[in-house]
Amino acid sequence: MAEFRRARFDPAAVRISSENAVVMLSGGLDSTVALWWALEHYGSVRAVSLDYGQPHRAELRAAARLAAVAGVERAVVRLDLPRGYRDASGMFIRGHTSLMGGLGALGVGAAGADVVLGMLATDPYADCGAEYLDALSAGLVNEHDEGPTRVVAPLLALEDKTAVAALGFELGAPWHVSWSCRRPLRGRPCADCSACRSRAVVDRRLDEEYGLPPAVVRSWQAVMGSPSHPVIGRCSDELRGLGQRIASAGGAERGTVGTRYVGPDGARRLAPHVRGARRAELRRPARTRYVRARGHGWQVAVCDDGAVAATDGLPSLDTIQRSLVAAVAAAPR
């Protein structure tokens, strides 16, 4: 496919404070992308979903499926909302961010963690801004914790919901599994509620603004992949030799679990965060352990059998080697 335009992400808008994350996973598009972003930036990720009696139960089923695909532990908190608490659309709005932050904090242990929420820069509510999140974070601090805890909203660093979807496409977040419809009809999206209309706009604007036609998006989503995932075997002989030496020394045995698959372009790639997909959901899938080095716009992964997966735009071999050695040293024992 032709090179797509990547979403502009402002890293200064996100302050990561921990190696651990608890993601509030509703099962919608935004929280799906937030989960995949967290998988990319934290060593340990857990998920929490809220069951508040929402009529669109498919959203909770989607959250369960997404957590299974990502291989993350997921807890469900059940909450009976008072009569009249929902607004006219059936959603609950007032106090939403405080509630989500507080519930997410239930999953934070003594080591501390970032509570990852999926609000957007375009959300019109007063409790979605950076100052409010800082104040909420201050209220979650426990003086006996060994590490910091704060609320992180990575999607605020993106322009709008279309940019969120574009980032999700780049990360390989399977948001086709997610659910947005608020008034499903016989188990299918109604195509008329505000959430359905919003997703329809995203589909159109992905093509117009990011060069991602619906057919291209569907083809990659169908295999839970991304053209940004590293390609296996497409690297220099020197890098291939480095990978074999690392694997022979057992460097990838304690690495992260991922899945090899064949993309729509015919290339065999590594999906770093797909761990529990069904075989029918990918083309020629194979689970593997890997250690990974990455930097701005590049990544290299060494699999446990010595196979090397790499993107374009790599730095020097010395830089890659230092990063891989550091990744091996940081792997859990």
C-alpha atoms as a PDB file:
ATOM      1  CA  MET A   1       0.000   0.000   0.000  1.00  0.00           C
ATOM      2  CA  ALA A   2       1.055   3.619  -0.409  1.00  0.00           C
ATOM      3  CA  GLU A   3       2.533   5.276   2.676  1.00  0.00           C
ATOM      4  CA  PHE A   4      -0.266   6.514   4.914  1.00  0.00           C
ATOM      5  CA  ARG A   5      -0.078   9.723   6.900  1.00  0.00           C
ATOM      6  CA  ARG A   6       0.570   9.125  10.570  1.00  0.00           C
ATOM      7  CA  ALA A   7      -1.397  10.903  13.263  1.00  0.00           C
ATOM      8  CA  ARG A   8       0.397  13.803  14.934  1.00  0.00           C
ATOM      9  CA  PHE A   9       1.007  12.841  18.550  1.00  0.00           C
ATOM     10  CA  ASP A  10       2.285  15.410  21.045  1.00  0.00           C
ATOM     11  CA  PRO A  11       4.405  13.410  23.542  1.00  0.00           C
ATOM     12  CA  ALA A  12       4.751  16.456  25.797  1.00  0.00           C
ATOM     13  CA  ALA A  13       1.030  16.140  26.539  1.00  0.00           C
ATOM     14  CA  VAL A  14       1.517  12.750  28.236  1.00  0.00           C
ATOM     15  CA  ARG A  15       3.465  12.278  31.469  1.00  0.00           C
ATOM     16  CA  ILE A  16       4.273   8.622  32.097  1.00  0.00           C
ATOM     17  CA  SER A  17       5.216   8.078  35.741  1.00  0.00           C
ATOM     18  CA  SER A  18       5.350   4.301  36.153  1.00  0.00           C
ATOM     19  CA  GLU A  19       6.274   0.997  34.519  1.00  0.00           C
ATOM     20  CA  ASN A  20       2.769  -0.229  35.365  1.00  0.00           C
ATOM     21  CA  ALA A  21      -0.590   0.745  33.872  1.00  0.00           C
ATOM     22  CA  VAL A  22      -4.246   0.100  34.637  1.00  0.00           C
ATOM     23  CA  VAL A  23      -6.375   0.833  31.573  1.00  0.00           C
ATOM     24  CA  MET A  24     -10.082   1.647  31.888  1.00  0.00           C
ATOM     25  CA  LEU A  25     -11.351  -0.548  29.050  1.00  0.00           C
ATOM     26  CA  SER A  26     -14.940   0.127  28.022  1.00  0.00           C
ATOM     27  CA  GLY A  27     -14.748  -1.896  24.820  1.00  0.00           C
ATOM     28  CA  GLY A  28     -15.174   1.129  22.540  1.00  0.00           C
ATOM     29  CA  LEU A  29     -12.783   2.405  19.892  1.00  0.00           C
ATOM     30  CA  ASP A  30     -11.089   4.995  22.110  1.00  0.00           C
ATOM     31  CA  SER A  31     -10.327   2.664  25.001  1.00  0.00           C
ATOM     32  CA  THR A  32      -9.107   0.015  22.537  1.00  0.00           C
ATOM     33  CA  VAL A  33      -6.508   2.410  21.158  1.00  0.00           C
ATOM     34  CA  ALA A  34      -5.636   3.537  24.702  1.00  0.00           C
ATOM     35  CA  LEU A  35      -5.015  -0.108  25.635  1.00  0.00           C
ATOM     36  CA  TRP A  36      -2.711  -0.694  22.658  1.00  0.00           C
ATOM     37  CA  TRP A  37      -0.895   2.552  23.408  1.00  0.00           C
ATOM     38  CA  ALA A  38      -0.374   1.374  26.985  1.00  0.00           C
ATOM     39  CA  LEU A  39       0.925  -1.994  25.793  1.00  0.00           C
ATOM     40  CA  GLU A  40       3.518  -0.091  23.785  1.00  0.00           C
ATOM     41  CA  HIS A  41       4.663   2.121  26.672  1.00  0.00           C
ATOM     42  CA  TYR A  42       4.391   0.085  29.907  1.00  0.00           C
ATOM     43  CA  GLY A  43       6.023  -3.087  31.127  1.00  0.00           C
ATOM     44  CA  SER A  44       2.924  -4.327  32.956  1.00  0.00           C
ATOM     45  CA  VAL A  45      -0.661  -3.627  31.868  1.00  0.00           C
ATOM     46  CA  ARG A  46      -3.980  -4.572  33.471  1.00  0.00           C
ATOM     47  CA  ALA A  47      -7.516  -3.583  32.488  1.00  0.00           C
ATOM     48  CA  VAL A  48     -10.661  -2.623  34.395  1.00  0.00           C
ATOM     49  CA  SER A  49     -14.148  -2.452  32.865  1.00  0.00           C
ATOM     50  CA  LEU A  50     -17.257  -0.892  34.384  1.00  0.00           C
ATOM     51  CA  ASP A  51     -20.623  -2.635  34.206  1.00  0.00           C
ATOM     52  CA  TYR A  52     -23.189   0.029  35.059  1.00  0.00           C
ATOM     53  CA  GLY A  53     -26.151  -1.768  33.526  1.00  0.00           C
ATOM     54  CA  GLN A  54     -25.574  -0.274  30.085  1.00  0.00           C
ATOM     55  CA  PRO A  55     -28.120  -1.555  27.556  1.00  0.00           C
ATOM     56  CA  HIS A  56     -25.385  -2.027  24.946  1.00  0.00           C
ATOM     57  CA  ARG A  57     -23.962  -5.185  26.532  1.00  0.00           C
ATOM     58  CA  ALA A  58     -21.949  -5.875  23.391  1.00  0.00           C
ATOM     59  CA  GLU A  59     -19.492  -3.228  24.582  1.00  0.00           C
ATOM     60  CA  LEU A  60     -18.579  -5.304  27.642  1.00  0.00           C
ATOM     61  CA  ARG A  61     -18.267  -8.426  25.502  1.00  0.00           C
ATOM     62  CA  ALA A  62     -15.928  -6.489  23.227  1.00  0.00           C
ATOM     63  CA  ALA A  63     -13.844  -5.430  26.235  1.00  0.00           C
ATOM     64  CA  ALA A  64     -13.514  -9.055  27.312  1.00  0.00           C
ATOM     65  CA  ARG A  65     -12.437 -10.089  23.819  1.00  0.00           C
ATOM     66  CA  LEU A  66      -9.912  -7.255  23.521  1.00  0.00           C
ATOM     67  CA  ALA A  67      -8.349  -8.120  26.876  1.00  0.00           C
ATOM     68  CA  ALA A  68      -8.085 -11.752  25.774  1.00  0.00           C
ATOM     69  CA  VAL A  69      -6.436 -10.792  22.475  1.00  0.00           C
ATOM     70  CA  ALA A  70      -3.923  -8.599  24.308  1.00  0.00           C
ATOM     71  CA  GLY A  71      -3.356 -11.211  27.000  1.00  0.00           C
ATOM     72  CA  VAL A  72      -4.013  -8.785  29.853  1.00  0.00           C
ATOM     73  CA  GLU A  73      -5.792  -9.440  33.135  1.00  0.00           C
ATOM     74  CA  ARG A  74      -9.191  -7.719  33.260  1.00  0.00           C
ATOM     75  CA  ALA A  75     -11.418  -6.996  36.249  1.00  0.00           C
ATOM     76  CA  VAL A  76     -15.081  -5.965  35.997  1.00  0.00           C
ATOM     77  CA  VAL A  77     -16.562  -3.529  38.519  1.00  0.00           C
ATOM     78  CA  ARG A  78     -20.369  -3.636  38.764  1.00  0.00           C
ATOM     79  CA  LEU A  79     -22.139  -0.438  39.751  1.00  0.00           C
ATOM     80  CA  ASP A  80     -25.833   0.353  40.220  1.00  0.00           C
ATOM     81  CA  LEU A  81     -26.377   3.964  39.185  1.00  0.00           C
ATOM     82  CA  PRO A  82     -29.072   6.000  40.961  1.00  0.00           C
ATOM     83  CA  ARG A  83     -32.313   6.616  39.093  1.00  0.00           C
ATOM     84  CA  GLY A  84     -32.000   9.655  36.843  1.00  0.00           C
ATOM     85  CA  TYR A  85     -28.196   9.645  36.826  1.00  0.00           C
ATOM     86  CA  ARG A  86     -27.959   9.016  33.086  1.00  0.00           C
ATOM     87  CA  ASP A  87     -28.537  11.865  30.652  1.00  0.00           C
ATOM     88  CA  ALA A  88     -31.127  11.889  27.855  1.00  0.00           C
ATOM     89  CA  SER A  89     -28.931   9.701  25.644  1.00  0.00           C
ATOM     90  CA  GLY A  90     -28.736   6.971  28.289  1.00  0.00           C
ATOM     91  CA  MET A  91     -25.086   7.735  29.073  1.00  0.00           C
ATOM     92  CA  PHE A  92     -23.767   8.888  32.424  1.00  0.00           C
ATOM     93  CA  ILE A  93     -21.656  12.029  32.215  1.00  0.00           C
ATOM     94  CA  ARG A  94     -21.509  13.912  35.514  1.00  0.00           C
ATOM     95  CA  GLY A  95     -18.474  12.831  37.525  1.00  0.00           C
ATOM     96  CA  HIS A  96     -17.475  10.342  34.829  1.00  0.00           C
ATOM     97  CA  THR A  97     -13.731  11.074  34.885  1.00  0.00           C
ATOM     98  CA  SER A  98     -13.490  11.040  38.678  1.00  0.00           C
ATOM     99  CA  LEU A  99     -15.371   7.761  38.798  1.00  0.00           C
ATOM    100  CA  MET A 100     -13.197   6.158  36.108  1.00  0.00           C
ATOM    101  CA  GLY A 101      -9.999   7.367  37.758  1.00  0.00           C
ATOM    102  CA  GLY A 102     -11.105   6.121  41.151  1.00  0.00           C
ATOM    103  CA  LEU A 103     -12.186   2.726  39.854  1.00  0.00           C
ATOM    104  CA  GLY A 104      -8.965   2.370  37.906  1.00  0.00           C
ATOM    105  CA  ALA A 105      -7.045   3.102  41.091  1.00  0.00           C
ATOM    106  CA  LEU A 106      -8.623  -0.004  42.631  1.00  0.00           C
ATOM    107  CA  GLY A 107      -6.315  -1.996  40.371  1.00  0.00           C
ATOM    108  CA  VAL A 108      -3.190  -0.140  41.504  1.00  0.00           C
ATOM    109  CA  GLY A 109      -0.932  -2.043  43.880  1.00  0.00           C
ATOM    110  CA  ALA A 110       1.726  -0.745  46.248  1.00  0.00           C
ATOM    111  CA  ALA A 111       4.182  -0.456  43.351  1.00  0.00           C
ATOM    112  CA  GLY A 112       2.032   2.324  41.890  1.00  0.00           C
ATOM    113  CA  ALA A 113       0.708   2.631  38.341  1.00  0.00           C
ATOM    114  CA  ASP A 114      -0.646   5.043  35.792  1.00  0.00           C
ATOM    115  CA  VAL A 115      -4.429   4.892  35.404  1.00  0.00           C
ATOM    116  CA  VAL A 116      -4.972   5.223  31.654  1.00  0.00           C
ATOM    117  CA  LEU A 117      -8.227   6.843  30.510  1.00  0.00           C
ATOM    118  CA  GLY A 118      -9.471   7.237  26.948  1.00  0.00           C
ATOM    119  CA  MET A 119     -10.965  10.723  26.840  1.00  0.00           C
ATOM    120  CA  LEU A 120     -10.400  12.854  23.734  1.00  0.00           C
ATOM    121  CA  ALA A 121      -9.171  16.386  23.144  1.00  0.00           C
ATOM    122  CA  THR A 122     -12.556  17.143  21.569  1.00  0.00           C
ATOM    123  CA  ASP A 123     -14.597  16.012  24.582  1.00  0.00           C
ATOM    124  CA  PRO A 124     -16.526  19.089  25.769  1.00  0.00           C
ATOM    125  CA  TYR A 125     -16.639  18.206  29.461  1.00  0.00           C
ATOM    126  CA  ALA A 126     -14.882  20.223  32.158  1.00  0.00           C
ATOM    127  CA  ASP A 127     -13.354  17.145  33.794  1.00  0.00           C
ATOM    128  CA  CYS A 128     -11.367  16.126  30.700  1.00  0.00           C
ATOM    129  CA  GLY A 129      -8.633  18.767  30.849  1.00  0.00           C
ATOM    130  CA  ALA A 130      -5.022  18.409  31.980  1.00  0.00           C
ATOM    131  CA  GLU A 131      -5.478  20.528  35.119  1.00  0.00           C
ATOM    132  CA  TYR A 132      -8.396  18.409  36.296  1.00  0.00           C
ATOM    133  CA  LEU A 133      -6.419  15.221  35.682  1.00  0.00           C
ATOM    134  CA  ASP A 134      -3.488  16.584  37.690  1.00  0.00           C
ATOM    135  CA  ALA A 135      -5.809  17.353  40.597  1.00  0.00           C
ATOM    136  CA  LEU A 136      -7.387  13.905  40.344  1.00  0.00           C
ATOM    137  CA  SER A 137      -3.929  12.313  40.307  1.00  0.00           C
ATOM    138  CA  ALA A 138      -2.989  14.139  43.502  1.00  0.00           C
ATOM    139  CA  GLY A 139      -6.003  12.598  45.213  1.00  0.00           C
ATOM    140  CA  LEU A 140      -4.900   9.060  44.346  1.00  0.00           C
ATOM    141  CA  VAL A 141      -1.506   9.278  46.036  1.00  0.00           C
ATOM    142  CA  ASN A 142      -0.894   6.908  48.947  1.00  0.00           C
ATOM    143  CA  GLU A 143       2.113   7.784  51.086  1.00  0.00           C
ATOM    144  CA  HIS A 144       2.798   4.079  51.676  1.00  0.00           C
ATOM    145  CA  ASP A 145       3.102   3.250  47.974  1.00  0.00           C
ATOM    146  CA  GLU A 146       6.516   2.313  46.645  1.00  0.00           C
ATOM    147  CA  GLY A 147       5.931   4.081  43.330  1.00  0.00           C
ATOM    148  CA  PRO A 148       3.890   6.964  41.892  1.00  0.00           C
ATOM    149  CA  THR A 149       0.272   6.827  40.768  1.00  0.00           C
ATOM    150  CA  ARG A 150      -1.291   9.298  38.374  1.00  0.00           C
ATOM    151  CA  VAL A 151      -4.057   9.552  35.799  1.00  0.00           C
ATOM    152  CA  VAL A 152      -2.845   9.540  32.198  1.00  0.00           C
ATOM    153  CA  ALA A 153      -4.985  10.385  29.160  1.00  0.00           C
ATOM    154  CA  PRO A 154      -2.799   9.704  26.094  1.00  0.00           C
ATOM    155  CA  LEU A 155      -5.503  10.416  23.532  1.00  0.00           C
ATOM    156  CA  LEU A 156      -5.549  14.071  24.615  1.00  0.00           C
ATOM    157  CA  ALA A 157      -2.278  14.294  22.663  1.00  0.00           C
ATOM    158  CA  LEU A 158      -4.199  13.684  19.422  1.00  0.00           C
ATOM    159  CA  GLU A 159      -6.292  16.116  17.433  1.00  0.00           C
ATOM    160  CA  ASP A 160      -9.599  14.241  17.332  1.00  0.00           C
ATOM    161  CA  LYS A 161     -11.242  10.833  17.093  1.00  0.00           C
ATOM    162  CA  THR A 162     -10.054  10.282  13.521  1.00  0.00           C
ATOM    163  CA  ALA A 163      -6.472  10.813  14.687  1.00  0.00           C
ATOM    164  CA  VAL A 164      -7.127   8.286  17.453  1.00  0.00           C
ATOM    165  CA  ALA A 165      -8.249   5.734  14.861  1.00  0.00           C
ATOM    166  CA  ALA A 166      -5.190   6.511  12.714  1.00  0.00           C
ATOM    167  CA  LEU A 167      -2.895   5.913  15.686  1.00  0.00           C
ATOM    168  CA  GLY A 168      -4.756   2.691  16.398  1.00  0.00           C
ATOM    169  CA  PHE A 169      -4.226   1.577  12.802  1.00  0.00           C
ATOM    170  CA  GLU A 170      -0.506   2.293  13.111  1.00  0.00           C
ATOM    171  CA  LEU A 171      -0.247   0.325  16.382  1.00  0.00           C
ATOM    172  CA  GLY A 172      -2.309  -2.569  15.044  1.00  0.00           C
ATOM    173  CA  ALA A 173      -5.066  -2.029  17.617  1.00  0.00           C
ATOM    174  CA  PRO A 174      -7.958  -4.292  16.514  1.00  0.00           C
ATOM    175  CA  TRP A 175     -10.688  -1.708  16.874  1.00  0.00           C
ATOM    176  CA  HIS A 176     -12.893  -3.710  14.517  1.00  0.00           C
ATOM    177  CA  VAL A 177     -13.474  -5.872  17.605  1.00  0.00           C
ATOM    178  CA  SER A 178     -14.624  -2.844  19.615  1.00  0.00           C
ATOM    179  CA  TRP A 179     -18.243  -1.752  19.980  1.00  0.00           C
ATOM    180  CA  SER A 180     -19.646   1.781  19.872  1.00  0.00           C
ATOM    181  CA  CYS A 181     -23.410   1.559  19.201  1.00  0.00           C
ATOM    182  CA  ARG A 182     -25.708   2.707  22.032  1.00  0.00           C
ATOM    183  CA  ARG A 183     -28.956   1.343  20.571  1.00  0.00           C
ATOM    184  CA  PRO A 184     -28.170  -1.960  18.834  1.00  0.00           C
ATOM    185  CA  LEU A 185     -30.867  -3.624  16.753  1.00  0.00           C
ATOM    186  CA  ARG A 186     -30.984  -7.412  16.932  1.00  0.00           C
ATOM    187  CA  GLY A 187     -27.322  -7.529  17.844  1.00  0.00           C
ATOM    188  CA  ARG A 188     -26.124  -5.184  15.118  1.00  0.00           C
ATOM    189  CA  PRO A 189     -25.160  -1.471  15.199  1.00  0.00           C
ATOM    190  CA  CYS A 190     -28.147   0.791  14.589  1.00  0.00           C
ATOM    191  CA  ALA A 191     -26.161   3.181  12.301  1.00  0.00           C
ATOM    192  CA  ASP A 192     -28.223   6.072  13.698  1.00  0.00           C
ATOM    193  CA  CYS A 193     -27.102   6.812  17.268  1.00  0.00           C
ATOM    194  CA  SER A 194     -24.439   9.433  17.909  1.00  0.00           C
ATOM    195  CA  ALA A 195     -21.736   6.789  18.425  1.00  0.00           C
ATOM    196  CA  CYS A 196     -22.548   5.052  15.133  1.00  0.00           C
ATOM    197  CA  ARG A 197     -22.577   8.358  13.276  1.00  0.00           C
ATOM    198  CA  SER A 198     -19.241   9.275  14.833  1.00  0.00           C
ATOM    199  CA  ARG A 199     -17.641   6.043  13.619  1.00  0.00           C
ATOM    200  CA  ALA A 200     -19.030   6.590  10.137  1.00  0.00           C
ATOM    201  CA  VAL A 201     -17.379  10.019  10.079  1.00  0.00           C
ATOM    202  CA  VAL A 202     -14.105   8.449  11.220  1.00  0.00           C
ATOM    203  CA  ASP A 203     -14.241   5.903   8.385  1.00  0.00           C
ATOM    204  CA  ARG A 204     -14.664   8.668   5.825  1.00  0.00           C
ATOM    205  CA  ARG A 205     -12.047  10.994   7.287  1.00  0.00           C
ATOM    206  CA  LEU A 206      -9.427   8.250   7.621  1.00  0.00           C
ATOM    207  CA  ASP A 207      -9.437   8.119   3.835  1.00  0.00           C
ATOM    208  CA  GLU A 208      -9.569  11.876   3.296  1.00  0.00           C
ATOM    209  CA  GLU A 209      -7.013  12.930   5.930  1.00  0.00           C
ATOM    210  CA  TYR A 210      -4.703   9.947   6.387  1.00  0.00           C
ATOM    211  CA  GLY A 211      -4.783   8.122   3.057  1.00  0.00           C
ATOM    212  CA  LEU A 212      -6.457   5.058   4.578  1.00  0.00           C
ATOM    213  CA  PRO A 213      -9.348   3.887   2.374  1.00  0.00           C
ATOM    214  CA  PRO A 214     -11.921   1.642   4.077  1.00  0.00           C
ATOM    215  CA  ALA A 215     -10.820  -1.412   2.074  1.00  0.00           C
ATOM    216  CA  VAL A 216      -7.211  -0.988   3.233  1.00  0.00           C
ATOM    217  CA  VAL A 217      -8.240  -0.505   6.856  1.00  0.00           C
ATOM    218  CA  ARG A 218     -10.499  -3.577   6.725  1.00  0.00           C
ATOM    219  CA  SER A 219      -7.771  -5.748   5.196  1.00  0.00           C
ATOM    220  CA  TRP A 220      -5.310  -4.986   7.995  1.00  0.00           C
ATOM    221  CA  GLN A 221      -7.910  -5.065  10.764  1.00  0.00           C
ATOM    222  CA  ALA A 222      -9.007  -8.489   9.536  1.00  0.00           C
ATOM    223  CA  VAL A 223      -5.595  -9.896  10.508  1.00  0.00           C
ATOM    224  CA  MET A 224      -5.134  -7.673  13.588  1.00  0.00           C
ATOM    225  CA  GLY A 225      -2.096  -6.229  11.876  1.00  0.00           C
ATOM    226  CA  SER A 226      -0.510  -3.016  10.686  1.00  0.00           C
ATOM    227  CA  PRO A 227       1.895  -2.053   7.893  1.00  0.00           C
ATOM    228  CA  SER A 228       3.924  -0.458  10.691  1.00  0.00           C
ATOM    229  CA  HIS A 229       4.592  -3.838  12.307  1.00  0.00           C
ATOM    230  CA  PRO A 230       8.175  -5.093  11.784  1.00  0.00           C
ATOM    231  CA  VAL A 231       8.760  -7.494   8.892  1.00  0.00           C
ATOM    232  CA  ILE A 232      10.407 -10.834   9.639  1.00  0.00           C
ATOM    233  CA  GLY A 233      13.516 -11.691   7.647  1.00  0.00           C
ATOM    234  CA  ARG A 234      13.865  -8.385   5.834  1.00  0.00           C
ATOM    235  CA  CYS A 235      17.126  -7.175   7.336  1.00  0.00           C
ATOM    236  CA  SER A 236      20.870  -7.092   6.725  1.00  0.00           C
ATOM    237  CA  ASP A 237      23.091 -10.135   7.215  1.00  0.00           C
ATOM    238  CA  GLU A 238      24.797  -8.323  10.103  1.00  0.00           C
ATOM    239  CA  LEU A 239      21.507  -7.747  11.904  1.00  0.00           C
ATOM    240  CA  ARG A 240      20.426 -11.314  11.218  1.00  0.00           C
ATOM    241  CA  GLY A 241      23.664 -12.564  12.755  1.00  0.00           C
ATOM    242  CA  LEU A 242      23.144 -10.364  15.816  1.00  0.00           C
ATOM    243  CA  GLY A 243      19.671 -11.803  16.274  1.00  0.00           C
ATOM    244  CA  GLN A 244      20.939 -15.362  16.065  1.00  0.00           C
ATOM    245  CA  ARG A 245      23.630 -14.673  18.668  1.00  0.00           C
ATOM    246  CA  ILE A 246      21.107 -13.137  21.073  1.00  0.00           C
ATOM    247  CA  ALA A 247      18.690 -16.042  20.616  1.00  0.00           C
ATOM    248  CA  SER A 248      21.456 -18.658  20.986  1.00  0.00           C
ATOM    249  CA  ALA A 249      22.397 -17.088  24.317  1.00  0.00           C
ATOM    250  CA  GLY A 250      18.776 -17.392  25.482  1.00  0.00           C
ATOM    251  CA  GLY A 251      18.189 -13.655  25.310  1.00  0.00           C
ATOM    252  CA  ALA A 252      14.617 -13.955  24.034  1.00  0.00           C
ATOM    253  CA  GLU A 253      13.450 -16.810  26.250  1.00  0.00           C
ATOM    254  CA  ARG A 254      12.103 -14.432  28.921  1.00  0.00           C
ATOM    255  CA  GLY A 255      10.837 -11.941  26.377  1.00  0.00           C
ATOM    256  CA  THR A 256       7.327 -10.783  25.610  1.00  0.00           C
ATOM    257  CA  VAL A 257       4.796 -13.004  23.855  1.00  0.00           C
ATOM    258  CA  GLY A 258       3.672 -11.849  20.421  1.00  0.00           C
ATOM    259  CA  THR A 259       2.250 -13.353  17.250  1.00  0.00           C
ATOM    260  CA  ARG A 260       3.700 -13.769  13.796  1.00  0.00           C
ATOM    261  CA  TYR A 261       1.222 -13.408  10.966  1.00  0.00           C
ATOM    262  CA  VAL A 262       1.015 -12.770   7.232  1.00  0.00           C
ATOM    263  CA  GLY A 263      -0.267  -9.323   6.312  1.00  0.00           C
ATOM    264  CA  PRO A 264      -2.442  -8.389   3.325  1.00  0.00           C
ATOM    265  CA  ASP A 265       0.771  -7.380   1.540  1.00  0.00           C
ATOM    266  CA  GLY A 266       2.093 -10.948   1.812  1.00  0.00           C
ATOM    267  CA  ALA A 267       4.895 -10.029   4.241  1.00  0.00           C
ATOM    268  CA  ARG A 268       5.346 -12.053   7.414  1.00  0.00           C
ATOM    269  CA  ARG A 269       5.251  -9.675  10.360  1.00  0.00           C
ATOM    270  CA  LEU A 270       5.289  -9.583  14.145  1.00  0.00           C
ATOM    271  CA  ALA A 271       2.241  -8.276  16.011  1.00  0.00           C
ATOM    272  CA  PRO A 272       3.912  -7.331  19.309  1.00  0.00           C
ATOM    273  CA  HIS A 273       0.757  -7.191  21.430  1.00  0.00           C
ATOM    274  CA  VAL A 274      -1.481  -9.919  19.977  1.00  0.00           C
ATOM    275  CA  ARG A 275      -1.310 -12.863  22.363  1.00  0.00           C
ATOM    276  CA  GLY A 276      -4.729 -14.489  22.468  1.00  0.00           C
ATOM    277  CA  ALA A 277      -6.193 -14.241  18.966  1.00  0.00           C
ATOM    278  CA  ARG A 278      -8.046 -17.187  17.481  1.00  0.00           C
ATOM    279  CA  ARG A 279      -6.323 -18.866  14.561  1.00  0.00           C
ATOM    280  CA  ALA A 280      -9.176 -17.883  12.239  1.00  0.00           C
ATOM    281  CA  GLU A 281      -8.541 -14.207  13.044  1.00  0.00           C
ATOM    282  CA  LEU A 282      -5.045 -14.111  11.543  1.00  0.00           C
ATOM    283  CA  ARG A 283      -3.293 -15.494   8.491  1.00  0.00           C
ATOM    284  CA  ARG A 284      -0.854 -18.277   9.404  1.00  0.00           C
ATOM    285  CA  PRO A 285      -0.403 -17.158  13.016  1.00  0.00           C
ATOM    286  CA  ALA A 286       2.415 -18.421  15.226  1.00  0.00           C
ATOM    287  CA  ARG A 287       3.063 -17.381  18.810  1.00  0.00           C
ATOM    288  CA  THR A 288       6.613 -16.393  19.675  1.00  0.00           C
ATOM    289  CA  ARG A 289       8.643 -14.770  22.403  1.00  0.00           C
ATOM    290  CA  TYR A 290      10.738 -11.781  21.519  1.00  0.00           C
ATOM    291  CA  VAL A 291      12.879  -8.969  22.872  1.00  0.00           C
ATOM    292  CA  ARG A 292      12.552  -5.632  21.157  1.00  0.00           C
ATOM    293  CA  ALA A 293      14.552  -2.466  20.655  1.00  0.00           C
ATOM    294  CA  ARG A 294      12.811   0.620  19.367  1.00  0.00           C
ATOM    295  CA  GLY A 295      13.281   4.298  18.846  1.00  0.00           C
ATOM    296  CA  HIS A 296      11.597   7.133  17.009  1.00  0.00           C
ATOM    297  CA  GLY A 297      10.056   5.540  13.905  1.00  0.00           C
ATOM    298  CA  TRP A 298      11.910   2.213  14.093  1.00  0.00           C
ATOM    299  CA  GLN A 299      11.872  -1.115  15.896  1.00  0.00           C
ATOM    300  CA  VAL A 300      13.776  -4.399  15.810  1.00  0.00           C
ATOM    301  CA  ALA A 301      12.613  -7.598  17.502  1.00  0.00           C
ATOM    302  CA  VAL A 302      14.593 -10.810  17.996  1.00  0.00           C
ATOM    303  CA  CYS A 303      12.402 -13.911  18.326  1.00  0.00           C
ATOM    304  CA  ASP A 304      13.289 -16.947  20.413  1.00  0.00           C
ATOM    305  CA  ASP A 305      14.244 -18.946  17.296  1.00  0.00           C
ATOM    306  CA  GLY A 306      16.629 -16.233  16.118  1.00  0.00           C
ATOM    307  CA  ALA A 307      14.319 -14.705  13.515  1.00  0.00           C
ATOM    308  CA  VAL A 308      14.628 -10.925  13.277  1.00  0.00           C
ATOM    309  CA  ALA A 309      11.689  -8.598  12.606  1.00  0.00           C
ATOM    310  CA  ALA A 310      12.578  -5.048  11.620  1.00  0.00           C
ATOM    311  CA  THR A 311      11.052  -1.885  10.240  1.00  0.00           C
ATOM    312  CA  ASP A 312      12.644   0.539   7.814  1.00  0.00           C
ATOM    313  CA  GLY A 313      14.673   3.556   8.901  1.00  0.00           C
ATOM    314  CA  LEU A 314      16.966   1.697  11.291  1.00  0.00           C
ATOM    315  CA  PRO A 315      19.837   3.371  13.161  1.00  0.00           C
ATOM    316  CA  SER A 316      23.362   1.961  13.255  1.00  0.00           C
ATOM    317  CA  LEU A 317      23.974  -1.661  14.190  1.00  0.00           C
ATOM    318  CA  ASP A 318      25.784  -0.515  17.359  1.00  0.00           C
ATOM    319  CA  THR A 319      22.710   1.450  18.468  1.00  0.00           C
ATOM    320  CA  ILE A 320      20.449  -1.531  17.813  1.00  0.00           C
ATOM    321  CA  GLN A 321      22.790  -3.883  19.681  1.00  0.00           C
ATOM    322  CA  ARG A 322      22.954  -1.634  22.748  1.00  0.00           C
ATOM    323  CA  SER A 323      19.166  -1.321  22.801  1.00  0.00           C
ATOM    324  CA  LEU A 324      18.640  -5.068  22.435  1.00  0.00           C
ATOM    325  CA  VAL A 325      21.148  -5.854  25.193  1.00  0.00           C
ATOM    326  CA  ALA A 326      19.304  -3.408  27.458  1.00  0.00           C
ATOM    327  CA  ALA A 327      15.983  -5.075  26.576  1.00  0.00           C
ATOM    328  CA  VAL A 328      17.391  -8.508  27.439  1.00  0.00           C
ATOM    329  CA  ALA A 329      18.699  -7.196  30.770  1.00  0.00           C
ATOM    330  CA  ALA A 330      15.296  -5.666  31.584  1.00  0.00           C
ATOM    331  CA  ALA A 331      13.320  -8.847  30.807  1.00  0.00           C
ATOM    332  CA  PRO A 332      11.659 -10.405  33.893  1.00  0.00           C
ATOM    333  CA  ARG A 333      13.565 -13.268  35.472  1.00  0.00           C
END
